[in-house]
Amino acid sequence: MCSAGTSTTGRGEPTASSQPRRVSPPGKDASRAFVTGDFSEAGLVADLSGLSPSEMLAVRAWLAFYSQRYGLVGKLVGRFYDENGTPTEALKQAKAVIEEGLKFKGQNGEKKQFPPCNSEWSSTRGSRFWCSKQSGGVNRDWIGVPRKLYKPGSSDSHCVCVRTTGPPSGHLDSTEHSDRGDLDNPNVQEYNGCHPLADSCVLD
């Protein structure tokens, strides 16, 4: 099986080194077909150009699937590797699109964990931040409380809603926890002058 320039074989079969080798059909790189579903002769191609970041993540998932279940036989000389087994520019570009997809996926995951606050400003009351079950465009069954979220290594922050009960994110199946949700996350900080469990905060 060939995908993204690598060739695999069943775990129980003897495998060669990961040095480049010429593979003839059925050792054909059909990476694009795993996303498009076109397994015709015209669709069985290695060209991944034009695929979206989410589609490239699907290619990555298929590659991981086969890598876990089959042994690496070699690298297919062609679009992704040259005669010396060196990655080509096409592979570098494909990896760049995958990284873009992973970054976007990570941002979506963070938004679900820490939905942005609702906010408003007036000359008489100043800034107000508050949380609801739909704040930040994220529908959920909890409201949360406003907190400042910092990126690691950065002094910049923005207001997010933080879950106050249950286990922390990443340990949702845990039965041993302090029932404080994500309040103890090291990247969040309370707003001075606001009650720590209020779902609304006004800053002068």
Protein backbone atom coordinates (compact mmCIF):
# COMPACT_ATOMS: atom_id res chain seq x y z
CA MET A 1 0.00 0.00 0.00
CA CYS A 2 1.37 3.41 -0.92
CA SER A 3 0.38 6.77 0.52
CA ALA A 4 2.27 10.07 0.64
CA GLY A 5 5.31 8.43 -0.89
CA THR A 6 5.70 5.54 1.56
CA SER A 7 5.08 1.89 0.86
CA THR A 8 3.80 -0.55 3.50
CA THR A 9 3.17 -4.28 3.76
CA GLY A 10 1.45 -6.58 6.26
CA ARG A 11 2.99 -6.83 9.75
CA GLY A 12 3.59 -10.52 9.35
CA GLU A 13 5.53 -10.12 6.12
CA PRO A 14 9.27 -9.46 5.96
CA THR A 15 10.03 -5.78 5.40
CA ALA A 16 12.93 -4.00 3.83
CA SER A 17 14.71 -0.92 5.09
CA SER A 18 13.26 2.56 4.71
CA GLN A 19 15.69 3.36 1.90
CA PRO A 20 14.09 4.48 -1.39
CA ARG A 21 13.16 1.75 -3.80
CA ARG A 22 11.28 1.61 -7.04
CA VAL A 23 7.85 0.14 -6.63
CA SER A 24 5.70 -0.82 -9.60
CA PRO A 25 1.93 -1.33 -9.50
CA PRO A 26 0.24 -2.25 -7.21
CA GLY A 27 2.90 -0.12 -5.45
CA LYS A 28 1.27 3.04 -6.73
CA ASP A 29 0.82 6.15 -4.62
CA ALA A 30 -2.92 6.80 -4.57
CA SER A 31 -2.96 9.39 -1.78
CA ARG A 32 -5.54 11.66 -3.40
CA ALA A 33 -8.10 8.87 -3.81
CA PHE A 34 -8.37 8.43 -0.05
CA VAL A 35 -9.94 11.89 0.12
CA THR A 36 -11.80 12.14 -3.20
CA GLY A 37 -13.07 8.56 -3.20
CA ASP A 38 -12.14 8.33 -6.89
CA PHE A 39 -10.40 4.96 -7.22
CA SER A 40 -10.55 4.94 -11.00
CA GLU A 41 -7.32 4.95 -12.97
CA ALA A 42 -7.59 8.72 -13.32
CA GLY A 43 -8.12 9.19 -9.59
CA LEU A 44 -5.30 6.96 -8.36
CA VAL A 45 -2.69 9.71 -8.26
CA ALA A 46 -0.23 11.12 -5.74
CA ASP A 47 -0.99 14.76 -6.56
CA LEU A 48 -2.34 16.42 -3.39
CA SER A 49 -2.22 19.98 -4.68
CA GLY A 50 -5.42 21.94 -4.18
CA LEU A 51 -6.67 19.87 -1.26
CA SER A 52 -7.92 21.84 1.73
CA PRO A 53 -6.24 21.63 5.16
CA SER A 54 -9.12 19.46 6.45
CA GLU A 55 -8.76 17.13 3.46
CA MET A 56 -5.03 16.90 4.10
CA LEU A 57 -5.75 15.89 7.69
CA ALA A 58 -7.80 13.02 6.24
CA VAL A 59 -4.77 11.94 4.19
CA ARG A 60 -2.67 12.15 7.35
CA ALA A 61 -5.20 9.98 9.21
CA TRP A 62 -5.09 7.32 6.50
CA LEU A 63 -1.29 7.36 6.55
CA ALA A 64 -1.29 6.93 10.33
CA PHE A 65 -3.82 4.08 10.01
CA TYR A 66 -1.64 2.10 7.62
CA SER A 67 1.58 2.96 9.44
CA GLN A 68 0.19 1.48 12.66
CA ARG A 69 -1.02 -1.71 11.02
CA TYR A 70 1.63 -2.43 8.42
CA GLY A 71 5.40 -2.43 8.26
CA LEU A 72 7.34 0.15 6.28
CA VAL A 73 8.83 -1.33 3.11
CA GLY A 74 10.34 1.75 1.54
CA LYS A 75 9.86 5.13 -0.03
CA LEU A 76 8.37 5.47 -3.47
CA VAL A 77 10.60 7.43 -5.80
CA GLY A 78 8.48 10.05 -7.48
CA ARG A 79 6.39 12.98 -6.31
CA PHE A 80 7.37 12.95 -2.63
CA TYR A 81 10.87 11.42 -2.57
CA ASP A 82 13.77 11.62 -4.99
CA GLU A 83 16.24 8.86 -5.92
CA ASN A 84 18.15 9.42 -2.65
CA GLY A 85 15.08 9.24 -0.45
CA THR A 86 15.15 12.99 0.13
CA PRO A 87 11.77 14.69 0.60
CA THR A 88 10.74 16.78 -2.38
CA GLU A 89 9.22 20.24 -2.40
CA ALA A 90 5.80 18.62 -2.94
CA LEU A 91 6.10 16.75 0.35
CA LYS A 92 7.21 19.89 2.16
CA GLN A 93 4.19 21.75 0.79
CA ALA A 94 1.87 18.92 1.79
CA LYS A 95 3.25 18.95 5.34
CA ALA A 96 2.78 22.72 5.50
CA VAL A 97 -0.91 22.36 4.61
CA ILE A 98 -1.27 19.60 7.23
CA GLU A 99 0.30 21.89 9.85
CA GLU A 100 -2.21 24.58 8.89
CA GLY A 101 -5.01 22.06 9.39
CA LEU A 102 -3.66 20.97 12.77
CA LYS A 103 -3.38 24.58 13.89
CA PHE A 104 -6.98 25.28 12.88
CA LYS A 105 -8.14 22.09 14.59
CA GLY A 106 -6.29 23.12 17.74
CA GLN A 107 -7.89 26.55 17.69
CA ASN A 108 -11.33 25.00 17.38
CA GLY A 109 -10.57 22.69 20.29
CA GLU A 110 -9.46 25.63 22.41
CA LYS A 111 -12.59 27.58 21.49
CA LYS A 112 -14.77 24.71 22.70
CA GLN A 113 -12.82 24.48 25.95
CA PHE A 114 -12.61 28.25 26.44
CA PRO A 115 -15.43 29.98 24.49
CA PRO A 116 -14.94 33.74 24.05
CA CYS A 117 -16.92 36.01 26.39
CA ASN A 118 -19.72 38.29 25.34
CA SER A 119 -18.57 41.88 25.70
CA GLU A 120 -19.81 45.46 25.53
CA TRP A 121 -18.47 48.91 26.36
CA SER A 122 -20.13 52.16 27.33
CA SER A 123 -18.72 55.51 28.41
CA THR A 124 -20.73 55.40 31.62
CA ARG A 125 -20.22 51.79 32.73
CA GLY A 126 -16.93 50.86 31.11
CA SER A 127 -16.30 47.34 29.83
CA ARG A 128 -18.56 44.45 30.64
CA PHE A 129 -17.79 40.80 30.00
CA TRP A 130 -20.27 38.01 30.57
CA CYS A 131 -20.87 34.36 29.78
CA SER A 132 -23.91 32.48 28.54
CA LYS A 133 -24.62 29.05 27.11
CA GLN A 134 -24.09 30.47 23.62
CA SER A 135 -21.31 33.01 24.17
CA GLY A 136 -18.56 32.94 21.60
CA GLY A 137 -20.88 31.13 19.22
CA VAL A 138 -20.29 27.87 21.12
CA ASN A 139 -23.48 26.10 22.20
CA ARG A 140 -22.98 24.13 25.41
CA ASP A 141 -24.74 22.98 28.57
CA TRP A 142 -22.70 25.18 30.94
CA ILE A 143 -22.33 28.95 31.35
CA GLY A 144 -18.91 29.49 32.87
CA VAL A 145 -17.23 32.54 34.36
CA PRO A 146 -15.11 35.25 32.70
CA ARG A 147 -11.36 34.79 32.91
CA LYS A 148 -8.30 36.17 31.17
CA LEU A 149 -6.70 33.52 28.95
CA TYR A 150 -2.98 33.89 28.27
CA LYS A 151 -1.03 32.19 25.53
CA PRO A 152 2.04 30.42 26.98
CA GLY A 153 4.98 32.81 26.84
CA SER A 154 2.83 35.84 26.00
CA SER A 155 1.61 38.76 28.10
CA ASP A 156 -1.44 39.25 25.87
CA SER A 157 -4.79 37.91 27.02
CA HIS A 158 -8.44 37.85 26.01
CA CYS A 159 -11.66 37.08 27.83
CA VAL A 160 -12.95 33.52 27.77
CA CYS A 161 -15.63 31.59 29.65
CA VAL A 162 -14.27 28.92 31.95
CA ARG A 163 -16.20 25.90 33.15
CA THR A 164 -16.49 25.88 36.96
CA THR A 165 -17.59 22.32 37.78
CA GLY A 166 -16.68 18.75 36.95
CA PRO A 167 -13.26 17.36 36.00
CA PRO A 168 -10.76 19.47 34.06
CA SER A 169 -10.68 19.25 30.26
CA GLY A 170 -8.44 16.43 29.14
CA HIS A 171 -9.50 14.33 32.14
CA LEU A 172 -13.26 14.22 31.65
CA ASP A 173 -13.41 10.52 32.55
CA SER A 174 -11.59 11.02 35.84
CA THR A 175 -13.50 10.23 39.01
CA GLU A 176 -10.93 11.90 41.25
CA HIS A 177 -10.99 15.65 40.84
CA SER A 178 -11.73 18.84 42.78
CA ASP A 179 -14.98 19.60 40.89
CA ARG A 180 -13.58 22.93 39.67
CA GLY A 181 -13.74 22.39 35.93
CA ASP A 182 -10.95 24.38 34.27
CA LEU A 183 -10.63 27.05 36.99
CA ASP A 184 -7.18 25.75 37.93
CA ASN A 185 -5.84 25.82 34.39
CA PRO A 186 -2.45 27.62 34.60
CA ASN A 187 -3.23 29.79 31.56
CA VAL A 188 -6.33 31.46 33.00
CA GLN A 189 -6.46 34.30 35.51
CA GLU A 190 -9.24 36.05 37.40
CA TYR A 191 -10.21 39.64 36.67
CA ASN A 192 -9.39 41.93 39.58
CA GLY A 193 -12.49 43.35 41.23
CA CYS A 194 -14.82 40.64 39.93
CA HIS A 195 -16.35 37.88 42.01
CA PRO A 196 -14.54 34.65 41.07
CA LEU A 197 -17.79 32.77 40.43
CA ALA A 198 -19.88 35.55 38.84
CA ASP A 199 -20.86 34.99 35.22
CA SER A 200 -20.60 38.74 34.54
CA CYS A 201 -17.74 41.17 35.16
CA VAL A 202 -17.67 44.98 34.83
CA LEU A 203 -14.32 46.76 34.49
CA ASP A 204 -14.05 50.51 34.93
